[in-house]
Amino acid sequence: MRRARSMNTATHGATGAAIAASLRDEILAGTYAPGERIRQDELAGLHGASRLPVRDALRILEAEGLVNLVANTGAWVSKISMAECHEMYQMRERLEPLLLRLNVPRISSDEADDLDLLADSMESSTDVERFLRLDREFHLSCLQAVETSVLGATVLNLWNRTQHYRRAATRLFYIENDRSVHFDHHLIVNAIRLGDADEAEQVLSRHIRRSRLELSRHPEVFA
């Protein structure tokens, strides 16, 4: 009996993780809009699962900052105000460069080559969604060489919660043909190659601040 119960729990856990992975991709890709309700019965039917692994999946995404759960009410895609976004970007300006600083000495030359290729791909891309995928891969790849207790999870949470609004800022960047973001990416890679944690930290802080200031000019993004 105990073994059967343990197997059911493991199955539900694996199914919940798979549902969370699929829903995470859809939220980050903008398939679900901020504030949109996530209907658990529809999600269960889509994945051929019971409501238990769906609830597990939603709890996983709540911990990542992508979903808001309200007891006995339902689940919604996280939505933030302009003031909240401003505050989160200020947090990113301070925390993410610190995390990069810790990682710089541990990033290999081969990994720096991969970052360089990502920077080149972003610069040559004319598709906003492709740029966003590459940009996320670029920045998060810089932050994975060092294991942290709190800092890494906090930075990822901030990335997730501001994803929709970063998409809006990127569209503005493409419309205005601002090339500074690409210069920053190459400067970060160069600092990593040189082992210059100070420079990498400073460039990333300016890079994030530029996005915050761009968003502050467009309150309509948060309507």
N, C-alpha and C. Protein backbone atom coordinates (compact mmCIF):
# COMPACT_ATOMS: atom_id res chain seq x y z
N MET A 1 0.83 -1.22 0.00
CA MET A 1 0.00 0.00 0.00
C MET A 1 0.87 1.27 0.00
N ARG A 2 1.90 1.25 0.89
CA ARG A 2 2.78 2.42 0.96
C ARG A 2 3.51 2.63 -0.36
N ARG A 3 3.95 1.50 -0.96
CA ARG A 3 4.69 1.60 -2.21
C ARG A 3 3.81 2.16 -3.32
N ALA A 4 2.55 1.72 -3.38
CA ALA A 4 1.62 2.22 -4.39
C ALA A 4 1.37 3.70 -4.21
N ARG A 5 1.22 4.10 -2.94
CA ARG A 5 0.99 5.52 -2.65
C ARG A 5 2.21 6.33 -3.06
N SER A 6 3.42 5.79 -2.79
CA SER A 6 4.66 6.48 -3.14
C SER A 6 4.79 6.62 -4.66
N MET A 7 4.40 5.57 -5.40
CA MET A 7 4.48 5.62 -6.85
C MET A 7 3.50 6.65 -7.41
N ASN A 8 2.29 6.72 -6.81
CA ASN A 8 1.31 7.71 -7.27
C ASN A 8 1.82 9.13 -7.03
N THR A 9 2.45 9.33 -5.87
CA THR A 9 2.99 10.65 -5.55
C THR A 9 4.09 11.04 -6.55
N ALA A 10 4.96 10.07 -6.86
CA ALA A 10 6.04 10.34 -7.81
C ALA A 10 5.49 10.65 -9.20
N THR A 11 4.45 9.90 -9.61
CA THR A 11 3.84 10.13 -10.91
C THR A 11 3.22 11.52 -10.98
N HIS A 12 2.48 11.88 -9.92
CA HIS A 12 1.86 13.21 -9.87
C HIS A 12 2.94 14.30 -9.91
N GLY A 13 4.06 14.05 -9.18
CA GLY A 13 5.14 15.04 -9.16
C GLY A 13 5.75 15.25 -10.53
N ALA A 14 5.98 14.14 -11.25
CA ALA A 14 6.56 14.24 -12.59
C ALA A 14 5.60 14.93 -13.55
N THR A 15 4.31 14.58 -13.43
CA THR A 15 3.31 15.21 -14.30
C THR A 15 3.19 16.70 -13.99
N GLY A 16 3.21 17.04 -12.71
CA GLY A 16 3.14 18.44 -12.31
C GLY A 16 4.31 19.24 -12.84
N ALA A 17 5.51 18.65 -12.79
CA ALA A 17 6.70 19.33 -13.31
C ALA A 17 6.61 19.54 -14.82
N ALA A 18 6.06 18.53 -15.53
CA ALA A 18 5.92 18.65 -16.98
C ALA A 18 4.90 19.73 -17.34
N ILE A 19 3.79 19.77 -16.59
CA ILE A 19 2.77 20.80 -16.84
C ILE A 19 3.36 22.18 -16.54
N ALA A 20 4.13 22.28 -15.46
CA ALA A 20 4.75 23.56 -15.10
C ALA A 20 5.70 24.03 -16.20
N ALA A 21 6.47 23.10 -16.76
CA ALA A 21 7.42 23.45 -17.83
C ALA A 21 6.69 23.98 -19.06
N SER A 22 5.60 23.31 -19.42
CA SER A 22 4.83 23.74 -20.59
C SER A 22 4.17 25.09 -20.36
N LEU A 23 3.56 25.26 -19.19
CA LEU A 23 2.88 26.52 -18.89
C LEU A 23 3.88 27.66 -18.73
N ARG A 24 5.03 27.36 -18.16
CA ARG A 24 6.09 28.38 -18.03
C ARG A 24 6.48 28.92 -19.40
N ASP A 25 6.70 28.03 -20.34
CA ASP A 25 7.09 28.44 -21.69
C ASP A 25 6.00 29.33 -22.32
N GLU A 26 4.76 28.98 -22.10
CA GLU A 26 3.66 29.74 -22.70
C GLU A 26 3.54 31.13 -22.08
N ILE A 27 3.71 31.20 -20.76
CA ILE A 27 3.63 32.51 -20.09
C ILE A 27 4.79 33.40 -20.54
N LEU A 28 6.00 32.85 -20.56
CA LEU A 28 7.17 33.65 -20.95
C LEU A 28 7.11 34.06 -22.42
N ALA A 29 6.43 33.24 -23.24
CA ALA A 29 6.30 33.56 -24.66
C ALA A 29 5.16 34.55 -24.93
N GLY A 30 4.39 34.88 -23.90
CA GLY A 30 3.30 35.84 -24.05
C GLY A 30 1.99 35.23 -24.51
N THR A 31 1.90 33.88 -24.53
CA THR A 31 0.64 33.23 -24.89
C THR A 31 -0.45 33.58 -23.88
N TYR A 32 -0.06 33.65 -22.61
CA TYR A 32 -0.94 34.13 -21.55
C TYR A 32 -0.55 35.56 -21.21
N ALA A 33 -1.51 36.44 -21.13
CA ALA A 33 -1.23 37.84 -20.81
C ALA A 33 -1.22 38.06 -19.30
N PRO A 34 -0.51 39.08 -18.81
CA PRO A 34 -0.54 39.38 -17.38
C PRO A 34 -1.97 39.62 -16.91
N GLY A 35 -2.33 39.02 -15.78
CA GLY A 35 -3.68 39.16 -15.24
C GLY A 35 -4.68 38.19 -15.79
N GLU A 36 -4.29 37.39 -16.79
CA GLU A 36 -5.23 36.43 -17.38
C GLU A 36 -5.43 35.24 -16.44
N ARG A 37 -6.67 34.81 -16.33
CA ARG A 37 -6.97 33.67 -15.46
C ARG A 37 -6.52 32.37 -16.10
N ILE A 38 -5.97 31.49 -15.29
CA ILE A 38 -5.58 30.15 -15.74
C ILE A 38 -6.62 29.18 -15.23
N ARG A 39 -7.35 28.55 -16.12
CA ARG A 39 -8.43 27.66 -15.73
C ARG A 39 -7.87 26.25 -15.54
N GLN A 40 -7.92 25.79 -14.31
CA GLN A 40 -7.27 24.53 -13.95
C GLN A 40 -7.91 23.33 -14.64
N ASP A 41 -9.23 23.36 -14.82
CA ASP A 41 -9.89 22.22 -15.47
C ASP A 41 -9.45 22.12 -16.94
N GLU A 42 -9.31 23.28 -17.61
CA GLU A 42 -8.85 23.28 -19.00
C GLU A 42 -7.42 22.77 -19.09
N LEU A 43 -6.60 23.20 -18.14
CA LEU A 43 -5.20 22.78 -18.13
C LEU A 43 -5.10 21.27 -17.89
N ALA A 44 -5.92 20.75 -16.99
CA ALA A 44 -5.93 19.31 -16.71
C ALA A 44 -6.36 18.53 -17.95
N GLY A 45 -7.41 19.01 -18.63
CA GLY A 45 -7.89 18.34 -19.84
C GLY A 45 -6.86 18.36 -20.96
N LEU A 46 -6.17 19.49 -21.10
CA LEU A 46 -5.17 19.64 -22.14
C LEU A 46 -4.03 18.63 -21.96
N HIS A 47 -3.68 18.34 -20.71
CA HIS A 47 -2.56 17.46 -20.43
C HIS A 47 -3.02 16.05 -20.04
N GLY A 48 -4.31 15.81 -20.08
CA GLY A 48 -4.83 14.50 -19.72
C GLY A 48 -4.48 14.11 -18.30
N ALA A 49 -4.57 15.08 -17.39
CA ALA A 49 -4.17 14.87 -16.01
C ALA A 49 -5.30 15.22 -15.06
N SER A 50 -5.17 14.80 -13.81
CA SER A 50 -6.12 15.19 -12.78
C SER A 50 -5.77 16.60 -12.29
N ARG A 51 -6.57 17.13 -11.41
CA ARG A 51 -6.33 18.48 -10.91
C ARG A 51 -5.16 18.54 -9.94
N LEU A 52 -4.80 17.40 -9.34
CA LEU A 52 -3.71 17.40 -8.36
C LEU A 52 -2.37 17.83 -8.96
N PRO A 53 -1.91 17.21 -10.06
CA PRO A 53 -0.64 17.67 -10.65
C PRO A 53 -0.74 19.08 -11.22
N VAL A 54 -1.94 19.50 -11.63
CA VAL A 54 -2.12 20.87 -12.09
C VAL A 54 -1.87 21.84 -10.94
N ARG A 55 -2.41 21.53 -9.77
CA ARG A 55 -2.17 22.38 -8.60
C ARG A 55 -0.69 22.38 -8.23
N ASP A 56 -0.03 21.23 -8.37
CA ASP A 56 1.41 21.17 -8.11
C ASP A 56 2.16 22.10 -9.08
N ALA A 57 1.76 22.06 -10.35
CA ALA A 57 2.40 22.90 -11.37
C ALA A 57 2.22 24.37 -11.05
N LEU A 58 1.04 24.74 -10.64
CA LEU A 58 0.76 26.15 -10.34
C LEU A 58 1.54 26.62 -9.11
N ARG A 59 1.72 25.73 -8.15
CA ARG A 59 2.52 26.10 -6.98
C ARG A 59 3.99 26.31 -7.37
N ILE A 60 4.48 25.48 -8.29
CA ILE A 60 5.86 25.65 -8.78
C ILE A 60 6.01 27.03 -9.43
N LEU A 61 5.05 27.39 -10.27
CA LEU A 61 5.13 28.66 -11.00
C LEU A 61 4.87 29.86 -10.09
N GLU A 62 4.08 29.64 -9.03
CA GLU A 62 3.89 30.71 -8.05
C GLU A 62 5.21 31.02 -7.36
N ALA A 63 5.97 29.97 -7.01
CA ALA A 63 7.27 30.17 -6.37
C ALA A 63 8.24 30.89 -7.29
N GLU A 64 8.06 30.74 -8.60
CA GLU A 64 8.94 31.39 -9.58
C GLU A 64 8.48 32.81 -9.92
N GLY A 65 7.35 33.23 -9.38
CA GLY A 65 6.86 34.58 -9.63
C GLY A 65 6.02 34.74 -10.88
N LEU A 66 5.66 33.62 -11.51
CA LEU A 66 4.90 33.71 -12.77
C LEU A 66 3.39 33.64 -12.57
N VAL A 67 2.94 33.11 -11.45
CA VAL A 67 1.51 32.87 -11.21
C VAL A 67 1.14 33.38 -9.83
N ASN A 68 -0.06 33.93 -9.71
CA ASN A 68 -0.63 34.29 -8.41
C ASN A 68 -1.77 33.33 -8.10
N LEU A 69 -1.69 32.68 -6.95
CA LEU A 69 -2.74 31.77 -6.51
C LEU A 69 -3.54 32.43 -5.40
N VAL A 70 -4.86 32.37 -5.51
CA VAL A 70 -5.75 32.89 -4.47
C VAL A 70 -6.55 31.72 -3.92
N ALA A 71 -6.44 31.48 -2.64
CA ALA A 71 -7.07 30.32 -2.02
C ALA A 71 -8.57 30.27 -2.30
N ASN A 72 -9.02 29.11 -2.71
CA ASN A 72 -10.44 28.85 -2.99
C ASN A 72 -11.02 29.72 -4.09
N THR A 73 -10.15 30.33 -4.88
CA THR A 73 -10.62 31.23 -5.94
C THR A 73 -10.06 30.84 -7.30
N GLY A 74 -8.75 30.74 -7.42
CA GLY A 74 -8.18 30.37 -8.70
C GLY A 74 -6.76 30.85 -8.87
N ALA A 75 -6.30 30.83 -10.12
CA ALA A 75 -4.93 31.20 -10.45
C ALA A 75 -4.93 32.20 -11.60
N TRP A 76 -4.01 33.15 -11.52
CA TRP A 76 -3.87 34.17 -12.56
C TRP A 76 -2.40 34.35 -12.91
N VAL A 77 -2.13 34.74 -14.14
CA VAL A 77 -0.77 35.10 -14.52
C VAL A 77 -0.40 36.39 -13.78
N SER A 78 0.79 36.41 -13.21
CA SER A 78 1.22 37.56 -12.43
C SER A 78 1.18 38.85 -13.26
N LYS A 79 0.73 39.90 -12.61
CA LYS A 79 0.65 41.21 -13.23
C LYS A 79 1.23 42.23 -12.27
N ILE A 80 2.00 43.17 -12.77
CA ILE A 80 2.60 44.17 -11.90
C ILE A 80 2.31 45.57 -12.42
N SER A 81 2.34 46.53 -11.51
CA SER A 81 2.11 47.92 -11.88
C SER A 81 3.43 48.55 -12.33
N MET A 82 3.33 49.76 -12.85
CA MET A 82 4.53 50.47 -13.27
C MET A 82 5.46 50.71 -12.08
N ALA A 83 4.88 51.05 -10.92
CA ALA A 83 5.69 51.30 -9.72
C ALA A 83 6.40 50.02 -9.28
N GLU A 84 5.69 48.88 -9.33
CA GLU A 84 6.28 47.61 -8.95
C GLU A 84 7.40 47.23 -9.92
N CYS A 85 7.17 47.45 -11.21
CA CYS A 85 8.19 47.14 -12.21
C CYS A 85 9.43 48.00 -11.99
N HIS A 86 9.21 49.26 -11.70
CA HIS A 86 10.31 50.19 -11.43
C HIS A 86 11.15 49.68 -10.25
N GLU A 87 10.45 49.25 -9.20
CA GLU A 87 11.15 48.74 -8.01
C GLU A 87 11.91 47.46 -8.32
N MET A 88 11.29 46.56 -9.10
CA MET A 88 11.96 45.30 -9.45
C MET A 88 13.19 45.54 -10.30
N TYR A 89 13.10 46.51 -11.21
CA TYR A 89 14.27 46.81 -12.03
C TYR A 89 15.39 47.42 -11.19
N GLN A 90 15.03 48.22 -10.19
CA GLN A 90 16.06 48.75 -9.30
C GLN A 90 16.73 47.63 -8.51
N MET A 91 15.94 46.63 -8.12
CA MET A 91 16.51 45.46 -7.46
C MET A 91 17.45 44.72 -8.41
N ARG A 92 17.01 44.55 -9.65
CA ARG A 92 17.86 43.87 -10.65
C ARG A 92 19.16 44.64 -10.86
N GLU A 93 19.09 45.96 -10.88
CA GLU A 93 20.28 46.78 -11.11
C GLU A 93 21.36 46.51 -10.08
N ARG A 94 20.94 46.13 -8.88
CA ARG A 94 21.89 45.91 -7.80
C ARG A 94 22.24 44.44 -7.60
N LEU A 95 21.24 43.58 -7.70
CA LEU A 95 21.46 42.16 -7.40
C LEU A 95 22.07 41.39 -8.56
N GLU A 96 21.57 41.62 -9.78
CA GLU A 96 22.05 40.84 -10.91
C GLU A 96 23.52 41.12 -11.24
N PRO A 97 23.96 42.40 -11.21
CA PRO A 97 25.39 42.65 -11.42
C PRO A 97 26.26 41.98 -10.35
N LEU A 98 25.78 41.94 -9.11
CA LEU A 98 26.52 41.26 -8.05
C LEU A 98 26.66 39.77 -8.36
N LEU A 99 25.57 39.17 -8.82
CA LEU A 99 25.62 37.75 -9.17
C LEU A 99 26.57 37.51 -10.34
N LEU A 100 26.54 38.41 -11.32
CA LEU A 100 27.47 38.29 -12.45
C LEU A 100 28.91 38.39 -11.96
N ARG A 101 29.15 39.33 -11.06
CA ARG A 101 30.50 39.51 -10.50
C ARG A 101 31.01 38.21 -9.89
N LEU A 102 30.15 37.51 -9.16
CA LEU A 102 30.55 36.26 -8.53
C LEU A 102 30.85 35.18 -9.57
N ASN A 103 30.17 35.25 -10.71
CA ASN A 103 30.31 34.23 -11.74
C ASN A 103 31.51 34.43 -12.66
N VAL A 104 31.92 35.67 -12.87
CA VAL A 104 32.95 35.97 -13.86
C VAL A 104 34.20 35.08 -13.74
N PRO A 105 34.75 34.89 -12.54
CA PRO A 105 35.97 34.06 -12.46
C PRO A 105 35.75 32.60 -12.81
N ARG A 106 34.50 32.16 -12.85
CA ARG A 106 34.20 30.74 -13.08
C ARG A 106 33.73 30.46 -14.50
N ILE A 107 33.59 31.49 -15.33
CA ILE A 107 33.13 31.29 -16.71
C ILE A 107 34.31 30.95 -17.60
N SER A 108 34.24 29.81 -18.26
CA SER A 108 35.36 29.33 -19.08
C SER A 108 35.43 30.09 -20.41
N SER A 109 36.55 29.95 -21.10
CA SER A 109 36.71 30.59 -22.40
C SER A 109 35.73 30.01 -23.42
N ASP A 110 35.45 28.71 -23.33
CA ASP A 110 34.47 28.10 -24.23
C ASP A 110 33.08 28.68 -23.98
N GLU A 111 32.75 28.89 -22.72
CA GLU A 111 31.45 29.49 -22.38
C GLU A 111 31.39 30.94 -22.85
N ALA A 112 32.50 31.65 -22.77
CA ALA A 112 32.56 33.02 -23.28
C ALA A 112 32.35 33.03 -24.80
N ASP A 113 32.89 32.02 -25.49
CA ASP A 113 32.68 31.90 -26.93
C ASP A 113 31.19 31.73 -27.24
N ASP A 114 30.52 30.90 -26.43
CA ASP A 114 29.08 30.69 -26.62
C ASP A 114 28.31 32.00 -26.40
N LEU A 115 28.71 32.77 -25.41
CA LEU A 115 28.06 34.05 -25.14
C LEU A 115 28.27 35.01 -26.31
N ASP A 116 29.46 34.98 -26.87
CA ASP A 116 29.77 35.83 -28.03
C ASP A 116 28.87 35.50 -29.21
N LEU A 117 28.65 34.20 -29.44
CA LEU A 117 27.77 33.77 -30.52
C LEU A 117 26.34 34.23 -30.28
N LEU A 118 25.90 34.16 -29.03
CA LEU A 118 24.56 34.63 -28.69
C LEU A 118 24.43 36.14 -28.94
N ALA A 119 25.46 36.89 -28.55
CA ALA A 119 25.46 38.34 -28.77
C ALA A 119 25.39 38.66 -30.26
N ASP A 120 26.16 37.94 -31.07
CA ASP A 120 26.13 38.14 -32.53
C ASP A 120 24.76 37.80 -33.10
N SER A 121 24.16 36.71 -32.62
CA SER A 121 22.84 36.28 -33.11
C SER A 121 21.78 37.31 -32.78
N MET A 122 21.86 37.88 -31.59
CA MET A 122 20.89 38.92 -31.21
C MET A 122 21.04 40.14 -32.09
N GLU A 123 22.28 40.51 -32.37
CA GLU A 123 22.53 41.72 -33.16
C GLU A 123 22.03 41.57 -34.59
N SER A 124 22.08 40.36 -35.12
CA SER A 124 21.65 40.13 -36.50
C SER A 124 20.17 39.80 -36.62
N SER A 125 19.50 39.58 -35.49
CA SER A 125 18.09 39.18 -35.53
C SER A 125 17.17 40.38 -35.78
N THR A 126 16.13 40.13 -36.56
CA THR A 126 15.11 41.16 -36.79
C THR A 126 13.77 40.76 -36.16
N ASP A 127 13.77 39.65 -35.43
CA ASP A 127 12.55 39.12 -34.82
C ASP A 127 12.60 39.33 -33.31
N VAL A 128 11.60 40.03 -32.77
CA VAL A 128 11.58 40.38 -31.35
C VAL A 128 11.55 39.13 -30.47
N GLU A 129 10.72 38.16 -30.81
CA GLU A 129 10.60 36.97 -29.97
C GLU A 129 11.90 36.18 -29.95
N ARG A 130 12.55 36.08 -31.09
CA ARG A 130 13.84 35.38 -31.13
C ARG A 130 14.87 36.13 -30.29
N PHE A 131 14.88 37.45 -30.41
CA PHE A 131 15.80 38.25 -29.60
C PHE A 131 15.56 37.99 -28.12
N LEU A 132 14.29 37.97 -27.70
CA LEU A 132 13.97 37.76 -26.29
C LEU A 132 14.47 36.41 -25.79
N ARG A 133 14.30 35.36 -26.61
CA ARG A 133 14.78 34.04 -26.21
C ARG A 133 16.30 34.03 -26.07
N LEU A 134 16.98 34.64 -27.04
CA LEU A 134 18.44 34.68 -27.00
C LEU A 134 18.94 35.55 -25.85
N ASP A 135 18.26 36.65 -25.62
CA ASP A 135 18.65 37.57 -24.55
C ASP A 135 18.54 36.89 -23.19
N ARG A 136 17.45 36.16 -22.99
CA ARG A 136 17.28 35.44 -21.72
C ARG A 136 18.37 34.38 -21.57
N GLU A 137 18.65 33.66 -22.65
CA GLU A 137 19.70 32.64 -22.59
C GLU A 137 21.06 33.27 -22.30
N PHE A 138 21.33 34.40 -22.95
CA PHE A 138 22.61 35.09 -22.75
C PHE A 138 22.80 35.47 -21.28
N HIS A 139 21.83 36.19 -20.74
CA HIS A 139 22.00 36.72 -19.39
C HIS A 139 21.98 35.62 -18.32
N LEU A 140 21.05 34.68 -18.44
CA LEU A 140 20.98 33.64 -17.42
C LEU A 140 22.17 32.69 -17.52
N SER A 141 22.73 32.51 -18.72
CA SER A 141 23.93 31.66 -18.87
C SER A 141 25.12 32.27 -18.13
N CYS A 142 25.14 33.58 -18.02
CA CYS A 142 26.24 34.26 -17.31
C CYS A 142 26.18 34.06 -15.80
N LEU A 143 25.05 33.57 -15.32
CA LEU A 143 24.79 33.58 -13.87
C LEU A 143 24.70 32.19 -13.25
N GLN A 144 25.12 31.16 -13.99
CA GLN A 144 24.89 29.79 -13.54
C GLN A 144 26.15 29.07 -13.06
N ALA A 145 27.32 29.69 -13.16
CA ALA A 145 28.56 29.00 -12.81
C ALA A 145 28.74 28.87 -11.30
N VAL A 146 28.12 29.76 -10.55
CA VAL A 146 28.24 29.76 -9.08
C VAL A 146 26.88 29.44 -8.47
N GLU A 147 26.88 28.50 -7.54
CA GLU A 147 25.64 28.14 -6.84
C GLU A 147 25.44 29.06 -5.65
N THR A 148 24.25 29.63 -5.53
CA THR A 148 23.95 30.53 -4.42
C THR A 148 22.71 30.02 -3.68
N SER A 149 22.57 30.45 -2.44
CA SER A 149 21.42 30.02 -1.63
C SER A 149 20.17 30.82 -1.93
N VAL A 150 20.33 32.12 -2.15
CA VAL A 150 19.18 33.02 -2.30
C VAL A 150 19.28 33.88 -3.55
N LEU A 151 20.47 34.36 -3.84
CA LEU A 151 20.65 35.37 -4.89
C LEU A 151 20.18 34.91 -6.26
N GLY A 152 20.56 33.72 -6.67
CA GLY A 152 20.19 33.23 -8.01
C GLY A 152 18.69 33.10 -8.18
N ALA A 153 18.02 32.53 -7.17
CA ALA A 153 16.57 32.35 -7.24
C ALA A 153 15.86 33.70 -7.26
N THR A 154 16.40 34.67 -6.52
CA THR A 154 15.80 36.00 -6.48
C THR A 154 15.90 36.69 -7.84
N VAL A 155 17.05 36.60 -8.47
CA VAL A 155 17.25 37.20 -9.79
C VAL A 155 16.34 36.54 -10.82
N LEU A 156 16.23 35.21 -10.78
CA LEU A 156 15.34 34.52 -11.73
C LEU A 156 13.89 34.94 -11.53
N ASN A 157 13.48 35.08 -10.28
CA ASN A 157 12.12 35.53 -9.98
C ASN A 157 11.86 36.91 -10.57
N LEU A 158 12.83 37.81 -10.45
CA LEU A 158 12.68 39.16 -11.00
C LEU A 158 12.62 39.12 -12.53
N TRP A 159 13.42 38.26 -13.14
CA TRP A 159 13.35 38.09 -14.58
C TRP A 159 11.96 37.62 -15.01
N ASN A 160 11.45 36.62 -14.32
CA ASN A 160 10.15 36.06 -14.68
C ASN A 160 9.03 37.08 -14.53
N ARG A 161 9.04 37.80 -13.44
CA ARG A 161 7.93 38.72 -13.15
C ARG A 161 7.92 39.93 -14.06
N THR A 162 9.06 40.25 -14.65
CA THR A 162 9.13 41.42 -15.55
C THR A 162 9.18 41.03 -17.03
N GLN A 163 9.04 39.74 -17.34
CA GLN A 163 9.20 39.26 -18.71
C GLN A 163 8.29 39.97 -19.71
N HIS A 164 7.00 40.07 -19.38
CA HIS A 164 6.05 40.68 -20.32
C HIS A 164 6.44 42.12 -20.61
N TYR A 165 6.91 42.83 -19.60
CA TYR A 165 7.21 44.25 -19.74
C TYR A 165 8.55 44.43 -20.45
N ARG A 166 9.46 43.47 -20.27
CA ARG A 166 10.71 43.49 -21.04
C ARG A 166 10.41 43.27 -22.52
N ARG A 167 9.42 42.45 -22.82
CA ARG A 167 9.00 42.25 -24.21
C ARG A 167 8.54 43.59 -24.80
N ALA A 168 7.76 44.34 -24.03
CA ALA A 168 7.28 45.64 -24.50
C ALA A 168 8.45 46.60 -24.72
N ALA A 169 9.41 46.59 -23.79
CA ALA A 169 10.57 47.48 -23.92
C ALA A 169 11.40 47.10 -25.13
N THR A 170 11.50 45.80 -25.40
CA THR A 170 12.27 45.34 -26.56
C THR A 170 11.63 45.78 -27.86
N ARG A 171 10.31 45.73 -27.92
CA ARG A 171 9.62 46.21 -29.12
C ARG A 171 9.93 47.69 -29.36
N LEU A 172 9.96 48.47 -28.29
CA LEU A 172 10.28 49.89 -28.41
C LEU A 172 11.72 50.06 -28.89
N PHE A 173 12.61 49.22 -28.36
CA PHE A 173 14.02 49.27 -28.75
C PHE A 173 14.19 48.98 -30.24
N TYR A 174 13.42 48.02 -30.74
CA TYR A 174 13.50 47.68 -32.16
C TYR A 174 12.95 48.81 -33.02
N ILE A 175 11.84 49.38 -32.57
CA ILE A 175 11.23 50.47 -33.34
C ILE A 175 12.18 51.66 -33.44
N GLU A 176 12.85 51.96 -32.33
CA GLU A 176 13.72 53.13 -32.28
C GLU A 176 15.14 52.83 -32.78
N ASN A 177 15.40 51.55 -33.10
CA ASN A 177 16.70 51.13 -33.64
C ASN A 177 17.87 51.54 -32.73
N ASP A 178 17.67 51.37 -31.44
CA ASP A 178 18.72 51.66 -30.45
C ASP A 178 19.70 50.48 -30.42
N ARG A 179 20.95 50.72 -30.76
CA ARG A 179 21.96 49.65 -30.83
C ARG A 179 22.73 49.48 -29.52
N SER A 180 22.45 50.32 -28.53
CA SER A 180 23.25 50.29 -27.31
C SER A 180 23.17 48.95 -26.59
N VAL A 181 22.03 48.28 -26.67
CA VAL A 181 21.89 46.99 -26.00
C VAL A 181 22.89 45.98 -26.55
N HIS A 182 23.15 46.03 -27.86
CA HIS A 182 24.10 45.10 -28.47
C HIS A 182 25.53 45.44 -28.05
N PHE A 183 25.83 46.74 -27.98
CA PHE A 183 27.15 47.13 -27.51
C PHE A 183 27.39 46.59 -26.10
N ASP A 184 26.36 46.71 -25.26
CA ASP A 184 26.49 46.23 -23.88
C ASP A 184 26.79 44.74 -23.83
N HIS A 185 26.09 43.96 -24.65
CA HIS A 185 26.33 42.51 -24.65
C HIS A 185 27.78 42.18 -24.99
N HIS A 186 28.31 42.86 -26.00
CA HIS A 186 29.70 42.60 -26.39
C HIS A 186 30.68 43.08 -25.32
N LEU A 187 30.35 44.19 -24.67
CA LEU A 187 31.22 44.68 -23.59
C LEU A 187 31.23 43.71 -22.41
N ILE A 188 30.08 43.12 -22.12
CA ILE A 188 30.01 42.13 -21.03
C ILE A 188 30.87 40.92 -21.36
N VAL A 189 30.76 40.42 -22.59
CA VAL A 189 31.57 39.27 -22.99
C VAL A 189 33.06 39.60 -22.91
N ASN A 190 33.43 40.79 -23.37
CA ASN A 190 34.83 41.18 -23.34
C ASN A 190 35.35 41.25 -21.91
N ALA A 191 34.53 41.79 -21.00
CA ALA A 191 34.93 41.88 -19.59
C ALA A 191 35.10 40.48 -18.99
N ILE A 192 34.21 39.56 -19.37
CA ILE A 192 34.32 38.18 -18.90
C ILE A 192 35.60 37.54 -19.39
N ARG A 193 35.95 37.77 -20.67
CA ARG A 193 37.19 37.20 -21.23
C ARG A 193 38.42 37.72 -20.48
N LEU A 194 38.37 38.98 -20.10
CA LEU A 194 39.49 39.60 -19.40
C LEU A 194 39.50 39.27 -17.91
N GLY A 195 38.42 38.65 -17.44
CA GLY A 195 38.31 38.37 -16.01
C GLY A 195 38.08 39.63 -15.20
N ASP A 196 37.53 40.66 -15.85
CA ASP A 196 37.33 41.96 -15.20
C ASP A 196 35.91 42.01 -14.61
N ALA A 197 35.76 41.55 -13.38
CA ALA A 197 34.45 41.50 -12.73
C ALA A 197 33.89 42.90 -12.49
N ASP A 198 34.77 43.87 -12.21
CA ASP A 198 34.31 45.25 -11.99
C ASP A 198 33.62 45.79 -13.23
N GLU A 199 34.26 45.63 -14.40
CA GLU A 199 33.70 46.14 -15.65
C GLU A 199 32.40 45.42 -16.00
N ALA A 200 32.38 44.10 -15.86
CA ALA A 200 31.17 43.34 -16.17
C ALA A 200 30.01 43.80 -15.30
N GLU A 201 30.29 44.01 -14.03
CA GLU A 201 29.26 44.45 -13.09
C GLU A 201 28.72 45.82 -13.48
N GLN A 202 29.61 46.74 -13.82
CA GLN A 202 29.19 48.11 -14.14
C GLN A 202 28.41 48.17 -15.44
N VAL A 203 28.86 47.42 -16.46
CA VAL A 203 28.14 47.43 -17.74
C VAL A 203 26.74 46.85 -17.57
N LEU A 204 26.61 45.75 -16.84
CA LEU A 204 25.30 45.13 -16.65
C LEU A 204 24.36 46.06 -15.88
N SER A 205 24.88 46.76 -14.88
CA SER A 205 24.04 47.69 -14.13
C SER A 205 23.49 48.79 -15.04
N ARG A 206 24.34 49.35 -15.90
CA ARG A 206 23.88 50.38 -16.85
C ARG A 206 22.88 49.79 -17.84
N HIS A 207 23.14 48.57 -18.26
CA HIS A 207 22.28 47.87 -19.22
C HIS A 207 20.86 47.73 -18.68
N ILE A 208 20.74 47.32 -17.42
CA ILE A 208 19.42 47.14 -16.79
C ILE A 208 18.77 48.49 -16.53
N ARG A 209 19.56 49.47 -16.10
CA ARG A 209 19.01 50.80 -15.84
C ARG A 209 18.43 51.42 -17.10
N ARG A 210 19.08 51.18 -18.24
CA ARG A 210 18.57 51.73 -19.50
C ARG A 210 17.17 51.19 -19.80
N SER A 211 16.96 49.90 -19.56
CA SER A 211 15.62 49.32 -19.78
C SER A 211 14.61 49.92 -18.82
N ARG A 212 15.02 50.12 -17.58
CA ARG A 212 14.09 50.72 -16.59
C ARG A 212 13.67 52.12 -17.02
N LEU A 213 14.62 52.91 -17.47
CA LEU A 213 14.30 54.28 -17.87
C LEU A 213 13.43 54.29 -19.12
N GLU A 214 13.68 53.35 -20.04
CA GLU A 214 12.86 53.25 -21.25
C GLU A 214 11.42 52.91 -20.88
N LEU A 215 11.24 51.97 -19.98
CA LEU A 215 9.91 51.61 -19.55
C LEU A 215 9.19 52.75 -18.84
N SER A 216 9.93 53.55 -18.08
CA SER A 216 9.32 54.67 -17.35
C SER A 216 8.75 55.72 -18.31
N ARG A 217 9.23 55.72 -19.54
CA ARG A 217 8.73 56.67 -20.55
C ARG A 217 7.45 56.18 -21.21
N HIS A 218 7.02 54.94 -20.89
CA HIS A 218 5.88 54.37 -21.58
C HIS A 218 4.88 53.73 -20.59
N PRO A 219 4.15 54.56 -19.86
CA PRO A 219 3.18 54.02 -18.89
C PRO A 219 2.08 53.19 -19.56
N GLU A 220 1.86 53.38 -20.87
CA GLU A 220 0.82 52.63 -21.55
C GLU A 220 1.10 51.14 -21.55
N VAL A 221 2.35 50.75 -21.37
CA VAL A 221 2.70 49.33 -21.31
C VAL A 221 1.99 48.63 -20.16
N PHE A 222 1.69 49.37 -19.10
CA PHE A 222 1.12 48.80 -17.89
C PHE A 222 -0.39 48.94 -17.82
N ALA A 223 -0.99 49.49 -18.87
CA ALA A 223 -2.44 49.70 -18.87
C ALA A 223 -3.17 48.37 -18.89
